[in-house]
N, C-alpha and C. Protein backbone atom coordinates (compact mmCIF):
# COMPACT_ATOMS: atom_id res chain seq x y z
N UNK A 1 0.81 -1.19 0.01
CA UNK A 1 0.05 0.04 0.00
C UNK A 1 0.82 1.24 0.01
N UNK A 2 0.52 2.26 -0.87
CA UNK A 2 1.30 3.49 -0.89
C UNK A 2 1.28 4.16 0.42
N UNK A 3 2.30 4.81 0.83
CA UNK A 3 2.57 5.45 2.08
C UNK A 3 1.32 6.47 2.38
N UNK A 4 1.02 7.29 1.32
CA UNK A 4 -0.04 8.31 1.53
C UNK A 4 -1.41 7.74 1.75
N UNK A 5 -1.66 6.60 1.06
CA UNK A 5 -2.97 6.04 1.23
C UNK A 5 -3.08 5.35 2.68
N UNK A 6 -1.98 4.86 3.13
CA UNK A 6 -1.98 4.27 4.42
C UNK A 6 -2.16 5.46 5.44
N UNK A 7 -1.58 6.63 5.25
CA UNK A 7 -1.79 7.75 6.14
C UNK A 7 -3.23 8.18 6.21
N UNK A 8 -3.91 8.18 5.03
CA UNK A 8 -5.32 8.56 5.04
C UNK A 8 -6.22 7.58 5.77
N UNK A 9 -5.87 6.23 5.64
CA UNK A 9 -6.54 5.25 6.39
C UNK A 9 -6.23 5.36 7.79
N UNK A 10 -5.04 5.74 8.13
CA UNK A 10 -4.67 5.89 9.55
C UNK A 10 -5.38 7.04 10.13
N UNK A 11 -5.64 8.10 9.41
CA UNK A 11 -6.41 9.23 9.84
C UNK A 11 -7.85 8.81 10.23
N UNK A 12 -8.49 8.03 9.39
CA UNK A 12 -9.86 7.61 9.63
C UNK A 12 -9.90 6.77 10.91
N UNK A 13 -8.88 5.94 11.12
CA UNK A 13 -8.82 5.10 12.32
C UNK A 13 -8.65 5.99 13.53
N UNK A 14 -7.76 7.01 13.42
CA UNK A 14 -7.47 7.97 14.48
C UNK A 14 -8.77 8.63 14.94
N UNK A 15 -9.52 9.12 13.93
CA UNK A 15 -10.80 9.83 14.18
C UNK A 15 -11.74 8.91 14.94
N UNK A 16 -11.93 7.63 14.49
CA UNK A 16 -12.85 6.82 15.23
C UNK A 16 -12.35 6.49 16.66
N UNK A 17 -11.06 6.28 16.76
CA UNK A 17 -10.59 6.11 18.14
C UNK A 17 -10.78 7.25 19.06
N UNK A 18 -10.56 8.45 18.56
CA UNK A 18 -10.76 9.62 19.35
C UNK A 18 -12.30 9.77 19.77
N UNK A 19 -13.08 9.56 18.78
CA UNK A 19 -14.56 9.69 19.11
C UNK A 19 -15.04 8.67 20.10
N UNK A 20 -14.42 7.51 19.97
CA UNK A 20 -14.85 6.36 20.96
C UNK A 20 -14.48 6.76 22.29
N UNK A 21 -13.25 7.40 22.49
CA UNK A 21 -12.75 7.82 23.76
C UNK A 21 -13.39 9.02 24.35
N UNK A 22 -13.83 9.91 23.38
CA UNK A 22 -14.41 11.22 23.82
C UNK A 22 -15.23 11.76 22.63
N UNK A 23 -16.56 11.61 22.70
CA UNK A 23 -17.45 12.04 21.53
C UNK A 23 -17.38 13.54 21.33
N UNK A 24 -16.92 14.31 22.25
CA UNK A 24 -16.83 15.81 22.22
C UNK A 24 -15.54 16.26 21.80
N UNK A 25 -14.60 15.42 21.43
CA UNK A 25 -13.16 15.70 21.15
C UNK A 25 -13.07 16.75 20.18
N UNK A 26 -13.78 16.62 18.92
CA UNK A 26 -13.60 17.57 17.88
C UNK A 26 -14.37 18.83 18.09
N UNK A 27 -15.37 18.76 18.89
CA UNK A 27 -16.11 20.02 19.26
C UNK A 27 -15.21 20.89 20.10
N UNK A 28 -14.36 20.30 20.87
CA UNK A 28 -13.39 21.04 21.72
C UNK A 28 -12.22 21.53 20.84
N UNK A 29 -11.83 20.75 19.82
CA UNK A 29 -10.74 21.08 18.92
C UNK A 29 -10.87 22.27 18.09
N UNK A 30 -12.22 22.51 17.78
CA UNK A 30 -12.40 23.71 16.86
C UNK A 30 -12.45 25.00 17.66
N UNK A 31 -12.46 24.91 18.97
CA UNK A 31 -12.38 26.14 19.81
C UNK A 31 -11.00 26.93 19.52
N UNK A 32 -10.88 28.16 19.78
CA UNK A 32 -9.63 28.87 19.66
C UNK A 32 -8.56 28.26 20.40
N UNK A 33 -7.34 28.13 19.85
CA UNK A 33 -6.24 27.49 20.50
C UNK A 33 -5.68 28.44 21.74
N UNK A 34 -5.33 27.76 22.81
CA UNK A 34 -4.69 28.42 23.98
C UNK A 34 -3.51 27.73 24.53
N UNK A 35 -2.57 27.46 23.58
CA UNK A 35 -1.35 26.72 24.12
C UNK A 35 -0.53 27.61 25.02
N UNK A 36 0.10 26.95 26.00
CA UNK A 36 0.95 27.66 26.96
C UNK A 36 2.42 27.52 26.59
N UNK A 37 2.74 26.75 25.53
CA UNK A 37 4.15 26.49 25.19
C UNK A 37 4.36 26.62 23.72
N UNK A 38 5.36 27.40 23.36
CA UNK A 38 5.84 27.39 22.02
C UNK A 38 7.07 26.37 21.88
N UNK A 39 6.99 25.40 21.03
CA UNK A 39 7.98 24.43 20.86
C UNK A 39 8.79 24.77 19.55
N UNK A 40 10.16 24.96 19.72
CA UNK A 40 11.01 25.08 18.47
C UNK A 40 11.83 23.87 18.54
N UNK A 41 11.71 23.08 17.52
CA UNK A 41 12.45 21.82 17.47
C UNK A 41 13.07 21.53 16.07
N UNK A 42 13.72 20.37 16.02
CA UNK A 42 14.24 19.85 14.79
C UNK A 42 13.23 19.20 13.87
N UNK A 43 13.44 19.29 12.64
CA UNK A 43 12.43 18.72 11.57
C UNK A 43 12.56 17.15 11.60
N UNK A 44 13.50 16.52 12.22
CA UNK A 44 13.71 15.16 12.27
C UNK A 44 12.49 14.43 12.58
N UNK A 45 12.05 13.40 11.71
CA UNK A 45 10.81 12.78 11.86
C UNK A 45 10.73 11.90 13.17
N UNK A 46 11.90 11.61 13.71
CA UNK A 46 11.97 10.73 14.92
C UNK A 46 11.58 11.47 16.19
N UNK A 47 11.43 12.84 16.17
CA UNK A 47 11.08 13.64 17.32
C UNK A 47 9.84 14.44 17.12
N UNK A 48 8.64 13.72 17.16
CA UNK A 48 7.38 14.34 17.10
C UNK A 48 7.16 15.04 18.51
N UNK A 49 6.94 16.39 18.56
CA UNK A 49 6.80 17.04 19.84
C UNK A 49 5.76 16.48 20.79
N UNK A 50 4.53 16.24 20.23
CA UNK A 50 3.39 15.78 21.04
C UNK A 50 3.70 14.40 21.61
N UNK A 51 4.25 13.54 20.77
CA UNK A 51 4.53 12.13 21.23
C UNK A 51 5.61 12.12 22.33
N UNK A 52 6.63 12.85 22.18
CA UNK A 52 7.71 12.75 23.15
C UNK A 52 7.39 13.47 24.47
N UNK A 53 6.38 14.39 24.40
CA UNK A 53 6.06 15.03 25.65
C UNK A 53 4.72 14.61 26.19
N UNK A 54 3.97 13.74 25.50
CA UNK A 54 2.68 13.23 26.02
C UNK A 54 1.67 14.38 25.96
N UNK A 55 1.72 15.31 25.07
CA UNK A 55 0.78 16.43 24.97
C UNK A 55 -0.31 16.07 23.91
N UNK A 56 -1.37 16.82 23.92
CA UNK A 56 -2.52 16.69 22.99
C UNK A 56 -2.56 17.87 22.09
N UNK A 57 -3.28 17.70 20.98
CA UNK A 57 -3.47 18.86 20.02
C UNK A 57 -4.05 20.01 20.83
N UNK A 58 -3.46 21.23 20.54
CA UNK A 58 -3.92 22.48 21.24
C UNK A 58 -2.97 22.83 22.36
N UNK A 59 -2.07 21.94 22.89
CA UNK A 59 -1.19 22.30 23.93
C UNK A 59 0.13 22.89 23.59
N UNK A 60 0.63 22.60 22.33
CA UNK A 60 1.81 23.09 21.82
C UNK A 60 1.61 23.94 20.57
N UNK A 61 2.35 25.06 20.49
CA UNK A 61 2.31 25.84 19.24
C UNK A 61 3.75 25.51 18.62
N UNK A 62 3.84 25.05 17.40
CA UNK A 62 5.14 24.37 17.01
C UNK A 62 5.84 25.03 15.84
N UNK A 63 7.13 25.14 15.92
CA UNK A 63 8.00 25.58 14.69
C UNK A 63 9.16 24.54 14.67
N UNK A 64 9.36 23.98 13.55
CA UNK A 64 10.44 23.04 13.43
C UNK A 64 11.31 23.49 12.14
N UNK A 65 12.58 23.26 12.28
CA UNK A 65 13.58 23.36 11.19
C UNK A 65 14.69 22.43 11.37
N UNK A 66 15.58 22.39 10.40
CA UNK A 66 16.76 21.56 10.52
C UNK A 66 17.66 22.01 11.62
N UNK A 67 17.88 21.17 12.63
CA UNK A 67 18.82 21.37 13.71
C UNK A 67 18.30 22.54 14.71
N UNK A 68 16.97 22.79 14.70
CA UNK A 68 16.33 23.71 15.64
C UNK A 68 17.10 25.04 15.80
N UNK A 69 17.27 25.82 14.70
CA UNK A 69 17.98 27.00 14.78
C UNK A 69 17.01 28.19 14.97
N UNK A 70 17.54 29.22 15.62
CA UNK A 70 16.92 30.43 15.73
C UNK A 70 17.81 31.50 15.05
N UNK A 71 17.41 31.83 13.85
CA UNK A 71 18.18 32.72 12.97
C UNK A 71 17.55 34.13 12.86
N UNK A 72 18.33 35.14 13.13
CA UNK A 72 17.64 36.53 13.23
C UNK A 72 17.14 37.09 11.90
N UNK A 73 17.54 36.37 10.82
CA UNK A 73 16.89 36.83 9.48
C UNK A 73 15.75 35.80 8.97
N UNK A 74 15.44 34.82 9.80
CA UNK A 74 14.41 33.87 9.44
C UNK A 74 13.08 34.39 9.73
N UNK A 75 12.39 35.01 8.72
CA UNK A 75 11.07 35.57 8.95
C UNK A 75 10.06 34.59 9.25
N UNK A 76 10.24 33.37 8.84
CA UNK A 76 9.19 32.34 9.20
C UNK A 76 9.30 32.10 10.73
N UNK A 77 10.47 31.80 11.25
CA UNK A 77 10.54 31.60 12.72
C UNK A 77 10.15 32.84 13.53
N UNK A 78 10.56 34.01 13.10
CA UNK A 78 10.28 35.22 13.88
C UNK A 78 8.75 35.46 13.86
N UNK A 79 8.09 35.17 12.79
CA UNK A 79 6.64 35.32 12.68
C UNK A 79 6.02 34.43 13.69
N UNK A 80 6.37 33.18 13.73
CA UNK A 80 5.84 32.20 14.72
C UNK A 80 6.13 32.65 16.05
N UNK A 81 7.27 33.16 16.42
CA UNK A 81 7.77 33.69 17.64
C UNK A 81 6.77 34.76 18.11
N UNK A 82 6.64 35.72 17.21
CA UNK A 82 5.92 36.94 17.56
C UNK A 82 4.38 36.56 17.85
N UNK A 83 3.93 35.73 17.01
CA UNK A 83 2.48 35.30 17.15
C UNK A 83 2.19 34.54 18.51
N UNK A 84 3.15 33.61 18.75
CA UNK A 84 3.10 32.87 20.00
C UNK A 84 3.25 33.68 21.21
N UNK A 85 4.18 34.55 21.23
CA UNK A 85 4.41 35.49 22.39
C UNK A 85 3.40 36.48 22.58
N UNK A 86 3.13 37.27 21.43
CA UNK A 86 2.22 38.45 21.63
C UNK A 86 0.80 38.17 21.46
N UNK A 87 0.40 37.19 20.73
CA UNK A 87 -0.97 37.01 20.49
C UNK A 87 -1.57 35.78 21.24
N UNK A 88 -0.74 34.71 21.30
CA UNK A 88 -1.20 33.53 22.07
C UNK A 88 -0.80 33.69 23.54
N UNK A 89 0.10 34.53 23.77
CA UNK A 89 0.55 34.67 25.27
C UNK A 89 1.22 33.48 25.87
N UNK A 90 1.94 32.72 25.09
CA UNK A 90 2.58 31.56 25.71
C UNK A 90 3.42 31.87 26.89
N UNK A 91 3.45 30.97 27.94
CA UNK A 91 4.15 31.20 29.14
C UNK A 91 5.52 30.55 29.09
N UNK A 92 5.70 29.64 28.14
CA UNK A 92 7.02 29.03 28.04
C UNK A 92 7.52 28.86 26.53
N UNK A 93 8.70 28.97 26.30
CA UNK A 93 9.32 28.64 24.94
C UNK A 93 10.29 27.45 25.16
N UNK A 94 10.13 26.34 24.55
CA UNK A 94 11.01 25.24 24.67
C UNK A 94 11.74 25.16 23.36
N UNK A 95 13.13 25.21 23.41
CA UNK A 95 14.01 24.98 22.29
C UNK A 95 14.62 23.60 22.43
N UNK A 96 14.19 22.61 21.63
CA UNK A 96 14.61 21.28 21.88
C UNK A 96 15.43 20.68 20.75
N UNK A 97 16.65 20.25 21.03
CA UNK A 97 17.44 19.61 20.02
C UNK A 97 17.46 18.06 20.37
N UNK A 98 18.19 17.28 19.66
CA UNK A 98 18.27 15.84 19.94
C UNK A 98 19.66 15.31 19.67
N UNK A 99 20.08 14.35 20.45
CA UNK A 99 21.34 13.72 20.23
C UNK A 99 21.32 12.88 18.86
N UNK A 100 22.40 12.85 18.24
CA UNK A 100 22.60 12.11 16.91
C UNK A 100 21.94 13.00 15.78
N UNK A 101 21.85 14.35 15.98
CA UNK A 101 21.21 15.17 15.03
C UNK A 101 22.00 15.19 13.67
N UNK A 102 21.39 14.84 12.56
CA UNK A 102 21.98 14.72 11.26
C UNK A 102 22.55 16.12 10.78
N UNK A 103 21.79 17.17 11.09
CA UNK A 103 22.14 18.44 10.67
C UNK A 103 23.39 18.97 11.40
N UNK A 104 23.49 18.68 12.71
CA UNK A 104 24.68 19.05 13.46
C UNK A 104 25.91 18.26 12.90
N UNK A 105 25.69 16.94 12.75
CA UNK A 105 26.84 16.21 12.24
C UNK A 105 27.30 16.63 10.86
N UNK A 106 26.30 16.97 10.02
CA UNK A 106 26.73 17.51 8.62
C UNK A 106 27.45 18.82 8.78
N UNK A 107 27.11 19.60 9.73
CA UNK A 107 27.79 20.89 9.88
C UNK A 107 29.25 20.76 10.32
N UNK A 108 29.63 19.60 10.96
CA UNK A 108 30.88 19.39 11.36
C UNK A 108 31.73 18.85 10.19
N UNK A 109 31.13 18.54 9.16
CA UNK A 109 31.89 17.90 8.00
C UNK A 109 32.21 18.95 6.87
N UNK A 110 32.89 18.49 5.96
CA UNK A 110 33.26 19.36 4.79
C UNK A 110 32.41 19.01 3.58
N UNK A 111 31.32 18.24 3.85
CA UNK A 111 30.47 17.83 2.73
C UNK A 111 29.85 19.01 1.97
N UNK A 112 29.70 18.86 0.66
CA UNK A 112 29.06 19.84 -0.25
C UNK A 112 27.61 19.44 -0.28
N UNK A 113 26.74 20.12 0.30
CA UNK A 113 25.26 19.77 0.35
C UNK A 113 24.32 20.77 -0.28
N UNK A 114 24.97 21.61 -1.17
CA UNK A 114 24.11 22.57 -1.90
C UNK A 114 23.55 23.63 -1.01
N UNK A 115 22.30 23.98 -1.19
CA UNK A 115 21.62 24.97 -0.43
C UNK A 115 21.73 24.73 1.11
N UNK A 116 21.68 23.51 1.48
CA UNK A 116 21.66 23.22 2.84
C UNK A 116 22.99 23.78 3.60
N UNK A 117 23.97 23.80 2.82
CA UNK A 117 25.27 24.35 3.43
C UNK A 117 25.03 25.83 3.99
N UNK A 118 24.21 26.54 3.25
CA UNK A 118 24.00 27.99 3.78
C UNK A 118 23.27 27.92 5.19
N UNK A 119 22.37 27.01 5.29
CA UNK A 119 21.69 26.86 6.61
C UNK A 119 22.63 26.36 7.68
N UNK A 120 23.48 25.37 7.32
CA UNK A 120 24.30 24.77 8.27
C UNK A 120 25.50 25.65 8.71
N UNK A 121 25.70 26.70 8.00
CA UNK A 121 26.72 27.79 8.37
C UNK A 121 26.46 28.16 9.72
N UNK A 122 25.26 28.35 10.11
CA UNK A 122 24.99 28.90 11.44
C UNK A 122 25.44 27.89 12.45
N UNK A 123 25.40 26.64 12.31
CA UNK A 123 25.93 25.56 13.28
C UNK A 123 27.41 25.54 13.15
N UNK A 124 28.00 25.69 11.96
CA UNK A 124 29.43 25.72 11.73
C UNK A 124 29.99 26.94 12.68
N UNK A 125 29.35 28.01 12.73
CA UNK A 125 29.80 29.15 13.49
C UNK A 125 29.83 28.75 14.91
N UNK A 126 28.74 28.09 15.42
CA UNK A 126 28.75 27.64 16.78
C UNK A 126 29.86 26.68 17.10
N UNK A 127 30.24 25.80 16.06
CA UNK A 127 31.27 24.84 16.24
C UNK A 127 32.57 25.59 16.33
N UNK A 128 32.80 26.56 15.51
CA UNK A 128 34.00 27.38 15.44
C UNK A 128 34.20 28.09 16.76
N UNK A 129 33.24 28.67 17.33
CA UNK A 129 33.34 29.34 18.66
C UNK A 129 33.66 28.49 19.83
N UNK A 130 33.28 27.24 19.66
CA UNK A 130 33.43 26.25 20.88
C UNK A 130 34.28 25.09 20.48
N UNK A 131 35.05 25.20 19.38
CA UNK A 131 35.76 23.98 18.90
C UNK A 131 36.70 23.39 19.88
N UNK A 132 37.38 24.22 20.54
CA UNK A 132 38.46 23.75 21.55
C UNK A 132 37.84 22.83 22.56
N UNK A 133 36.60 23.24 23.08
CA UNK A 133 35.98 22.47 24.21
C UNK A 133 35.33 21.20 23.51
N UNK A 134 34.72 21.33 22.32
CA UNK A 134 34.09 20.24 21.72
C UNK A 134 35.04 19.09 21.33
N UNK A 135 36.24 19.45 20.86
CA UNK A 135 37.19 18.57 20.32
C UNK A 135 37.95 17.73 21.48
N UNK A 136 37.67 18.17 22.71
CA UNK A 136 38.22 17.43 23.82
C UNK A 136 37.49 16.11 24.06
N UNK A 137 36.24 16.04 23.51
CA UNK A 137 35.48 14.79 23.68
C UNK A 137 36.00 13.79 22.72
N UNK A 138 35.72 12.53 23.06
CA UNK A 138 36.34 11.35 22.37
C UNK A 138 35.97 11.31 20.84
N UNK A 139 35.20 10.25 20.49
CA UNK A 139 34.94 10.00 19.13
C UNK A 139 34.01 10.92 18.56
N UNK A 140 33.73 10.76 17.17
CA UNK A 140 32.88 11.71 16.45
C UNK A 140 31.59 11.84 17.12
N UNK A 141 30.91 10.64 17.40
CA UNK A 141 29.50 10.81 17.97
C UNK A 141 29.46 11.59 19.29
N UNK A 142 30.50 11.50 20.12
CA UNK A 142 30.44 12.27 21.32
C UNK A 142 30.66 13.76 21.13
N UNK A 143 31.38 14.09 20.10
CA UNK A 143 31.64 15.49 19.65
C UNK A 143 30.35 16.08 19.06
N UNK A 144 29.72 15.21 18.29
CA UNK A 144 28.44 15.61 17.68
C UNK A 144 27.51 15.99 18.73
N UNK A 145 27.29 15.12 19.78
CA UNK A 145 26.35 15.26 20.83
C UNK A 145 26.70 16.43 21.70
N UNK A 146 27.96 16.70 21.91
CA UNK A 146 28.29 17.89 22.64
C UNK A 146 27.96 19.04 21.86
N UNK A 147 28.16 19.15 20.58
CA UNK A 147 27.75 20.31 19.75
C UNK A 147 26.24 20.44 19.81
N UNK A 148 25.50 19.41 19.74
CA UNK A 148 24.03 19.44 19.95
C UNK A 148 23.67 20.21 21.20
N UNK A 149 24.29 19.88 22.32
CA UNK A 149 23.94 20.54 23.54
C UNK A 149 24.40 22.05 23.50
N UNK A 150 25.55 22.34 22.95
CA UNK A 150 25.96 23.64 22.84
C UNK A 150 25.18 24.47 21.93
N UNK A 151 24.70 23.82 20.78
CA UNK A 151 23.90 24.49 19.81
C UNK A 151 22.52 24.89 20.44
N UNK A 152 22.02 24.03 21.28
CA UNK A 152 20.76 24.34 22.02
C UNK A 152 20.89 25.52 22.83
N UNK A 153 22.06 25.63 23.62
CA UNK A 153 22.29 26.78 24.41
C UNK A 153 22.42 28.09 23.69
N UNK A 154 23.10 27.98 22.57
CA UNK A 154 23.35 29.15 21.66
C UNK A 154 21.98 29.63 21.14
N UNK A 155 21.15 28.68 20.72
CA UNK A 155 19.82 29.09 20.07
C UNK A 155 18.96 29.68 21.18
N UNK A 156 19.03 29.18 22.44
CA UNK A 156 18.24 29.85 23.48
C UNK A 156 18.70 31.29 23.64
N UNK A 157 20.03 31.53 23.65
CA UNK A 157 20.60 32.93 23.63
C UNK A 157 20.05 33.76 22.47
N UNK A 158 19.93 33.08 21.29
CA UNK A 158 19.42 33.87 20.13
C UNK A 158 17.98 34.26 20.42
N UNK A 159 17.24 33.43 21.04
CA UNK A 159 15.82 33.86 21.38
C UNK A 159 15.84 34.97 22.30
N UNK A 160 16.72 35.07 23.28
CA UNK A 160 16.83 36.06 24.28
C UNK A 160 17.22 37.40 23.59
N UNK A 161 17.95 37.30 22.52
CA UNK A 161 18.44 38.52 21.90
C UNK A 161 17.30 39.26 21.11
N UNK A 162 16.22 38.53 20.82
CA UNK A 162 15.21 39.12 20.05
C UNK A 162 14.36 40.21 20.80
N UNK A 163 14.01 41.23 20.15
CA UNK A 163 13.20 42.29 20.74
C UNK A 163 11.78 41.66 21.11
N UNK A 164 11.33 40.69 20.44
CA UNK A 164 10.11 40.09 20.80
C UNK A 164 10.07 39.52 22.16
N UNK A 165 11.05 38.71 22.45
CA UNK A 165 11.17 38.13 23.82
C UNK A 165 11.48 39.26 24.87
N UNK A 166 12.34 40.13 24.54
CA UNK A 166 12.60 41.17 25.57
C UNK A 166 11.45 42.09 25.88
N UNK A 167 10.69 42.35 24.83
CA UNK A 167 9.50 43.17 25.05
C UNK A 167 8.50 42.49 25.97
N UNK A 168 8.29 41.15 25.67
CA UNK A 168 7.39 40.32 26.48
C UNK A 168 7.82 40.23 27.98
N UNK A 169 9.20 40.14 28.14
CA UNK A 169 9.74 40.10 29.50
C UNK A 169 9.47 41.40 30.23
N UNK A 170 9.67 42.53 29.56
CA UNK A 170 9.52 43.90 30.15
C UNK A 170 8.02 44.11 30.57
N UNK A 171 7.15 43.72 29.75
CA UNK A 171 5.76 43.98 29.88
C UNK A 171 5.04 42.99 30.73
N UNK A 172 5.33 41.69 30.58
CA UNK A 172 4.51 40.63 31.17
C UNK A 172 5.35 39.66 32.01
N UNK A 173 6.64 39.86 32.12
CA UNK A 173 7.48 38.85 32.80
C UNK A 173 7.28 37.41 32.37
N UNK A 174 7.14 37.28 31.03
CA UNK A 174 6.99 35.85 30.38
C UNK A 174 7.54 36.04 28.94
N UNK A 175 7.81 34.97 28.25
CA UNK A 175 7.77 33.62 28.67
C UNK A 175 9.12 33.18 29.28
N UNK A 176 9.07 32.05 30.00
CA UNK A 176 10.21 31.36 30.50
C UNK A 176 10.80 30.56 29.39
N UNK A 177 12.13 30.69 29.17
CA UNK A 177 12.73 29.99 28.09
C UNK A 177 13.54 28.83 28.43
N UNK A 178 13.36 27.69 27.86
CA UNK A 178 14.08 26.44 28.23
C UNK A 178 14.79 25.88 27.09
N UNK A 179 15.95 25.27 27.39
CA UNK A 179 16.72 24.50 26.35
C UNK A 179 16.74 23.06 26.76
N UNK A 180 16.16 22.18 25.80
CA UNK A 180 16.12 20.77 26.11
C UNK A 180 16.89 20.06 25.08
N UNK A 181 17.26 18.69 25.43
CA UNK A 181 17.79 17.76 24.48
C UNK A 181 17.14 16.41 24.67
N UNK A 182 16.64 15.94 23.54
CA UNK A 182 15.99 14.60 23.57
C UNK A 182 16.92 13.53 23.16
N UNK A 183 16.83 12.38 23.76
CA UNK A 183 17.62 11.21 23.48
C UNK A 183 16.89 10.23 22.63
N UNK A 184 17.43 9.90 21.45
CA UNK A 184 16.82 8.85 20.60
C UNK A 184 16.96 7.48 21.18
N UNK A 185 18.05 7.28 21.97
CA UNK A 185 18.27 5.98 22.56
C UNK A 185 17.32 5.49 23.71
N UNK A 186 16.97 6.43 24.56
CA UNK A 186 16.06 5.97 25.61
C UNK A 186 14.76 6.89 25.69
N UNK A 187 14.67 7.89 24.88
CA UNK A 187 13.34 8.60 24.82
C UNK A 187 13.26 9.71 25.91
N UNK A 188 14.29 9.90 26.77
CA UNK A 188 14.33 10.84 27.80
C UNK A 188 14.73 12.26 27.30
N UNK A 189 14.16 13.29 27.95
CA UNK A 189 14.42 14.70 27.65
C UNK A 189 15.21 15.23 28.87
N UNK A 190 16.30 15.94 28.55
CA UNK A 190 17.08 16.66 29.65
C UNK A 190 16.95 18.13 29.46
N UNK A 191 16.75 18.84 30.53
CA UNK A 191 16.79 20.30 30.42
C UNK A 191 18.26 20.73 30.74
N UNK A 192 18.82 21.47 29.80
CA UNK A 192 20.29 21.80 29.97
C UNK A 192 20.42 23.37 30.22
N UNK A 193 19.29 24.11 29.99
CA UNK A 193 19.36 25.49 30.33
C UNK A 193 17.95 25.99 30.51
N UNK A 194 17.81 26.97 31.47
CA UNK A 194 16.46 27.53 31.79
C UNK A 194 16.66 29.03 32.19
N UNK A 195 15.85 29.84 31.51
CA UNK A 195 16.01 31.31 31.73
C UNK A 195 14.71 31.93 32.22
N UNK A 196 14.77 32.34 33.44
CA UNK A 196 13.58 33.02 34.06
C UNK A 196 13.73 34.54 33.76
N UNK A 197 12.56 35.11 33.22
CA UNK A 197 12.54 36.48 32.85
C UNK A 197 13.00 37.40 34.00
N UNK A 198 12.70 37.04 35.24
CA UNK A 198 12.96 37.89 36.39
C UNK A 198 14.44 37.92 36.72
N UNK A 199 15.20 36.95 36.27
CA UNK A 199 16.60 36.87 36.66
C UNK A 199 17.60 36.89 35.48
N UNK A 200 17.00 36.99 34.23
CA UNK A 200 17.78 36.89 32.96
C UNK A 200 18.84 38.01 32.90
N UNK A 201 19.95 37.68 32.36
CA UNK A 201 20.98 38.62 32.15
C UNK A 201 21.30 38.68 30.57
N UNK A 202 21.15 39.87 30.14
CA UNK A 202 21.26 40.08 28.65
C UNK A 202 22.53 40.89 28.39
N UNK A 203 23.43 40.44 27.50
CA UNK A 203 24.62 41.16 27.25
C UNK A 203 24.18 42.57 26.62
N UNK A 204 24.85 43.66 27.13
CA UNK A 204 24.47 44.95 26.75
C UNK A 204 24.30 45.26 25.31
N UNK A 205 25.17 44.68 24.54
CA UNK A 205 25.21 44.87 23.02
C UNK A 205 23.90 44.34 22.40
N UNK A 206 23.15 43.45 23.09
CA UNK A 206 21.95 42.88 22.56
C UNK A 206 20.66 43.37 23.15
N UNK A 207 20.90 44.25 24.20
CA UNK A 207 19.64 44.73 24.98
C UNK A 207 19.15 45.89 24.31
N UNK A 208 17.76 45.93 24.22
CA UNK A 208 17.03 47.16 23.56
C UNK A 208 16.53 48.05 24.73
N UNK A 209 16.74 49.26 24.62
CA UNK A 209 16.26 50.24 25.56
C UNK A 209 14.83 50.60 25.32
N UNK A 210 14.51 50.83 24.01
CA UNK A 210 13.07 51.22 23.68
C UNK A 210 12.40 50.05 23.04
N UNK A 211 11.47 49.44 23.75
CA UNK A 211 10.78 48.30 23.26
C UNK A 211 9.37 48.54 22.89
N UNK A 212 9.04 49.84 22.70
CA UNK A 212 7.65 50.13 22.38
C UNK A 212 7.27 49.55 20.96
N UNK A 213 8.28 49.45 20.04
CA UNK A 213 7.98 48.86 18.71
C UNK A 213 9.19 48.38 18.18
N UNK A 214 9.10 47.55 17.14
CA UNK A 214 10.25 46.98 16.46
C UNK A 214 10.82 48.13 15.49
């Protein structure tokens, strides 16, 4: 059976299962969404946000890209971020990477990958800044996983650098920003960085004085 046909049949089975469990499920689903969490994660098909966190539709507002990057020129991500923070009023932003990330591993190589190389440049920069520490780790897989962790920490800082987050912190003391890493080997998530708006420290060069408008 073709994959897409199997997906459509799977959808019908899912609908029936949901209705059997809760006849009002779809009545609730059409109501306006009120997620408390913005999830920024990797596009990797093995890391579905709702599955790995045990959440239901409506609980997470999601943006995914290769290697979970926060790039200051990415209008797609910035639009999602602004909508989640300013219109949905999310209380938390979770930036989640995962060990064994193919994008991170590719960024550590010299492979010619066409357009993808331009995206991976952002991770190459992170590697260059932290290369001395990363290369202290043993084999290639351990170095990749350490770069995964450092990349998550750097992307969390990129979130903090945005005027969107800083404005929300100043006005509403939210959202709380978290950096997580998911393990494909055992399914567990580890929090490696957490930034509370009330105690956050922003480097002066990235701090905005006038946050009335962008």
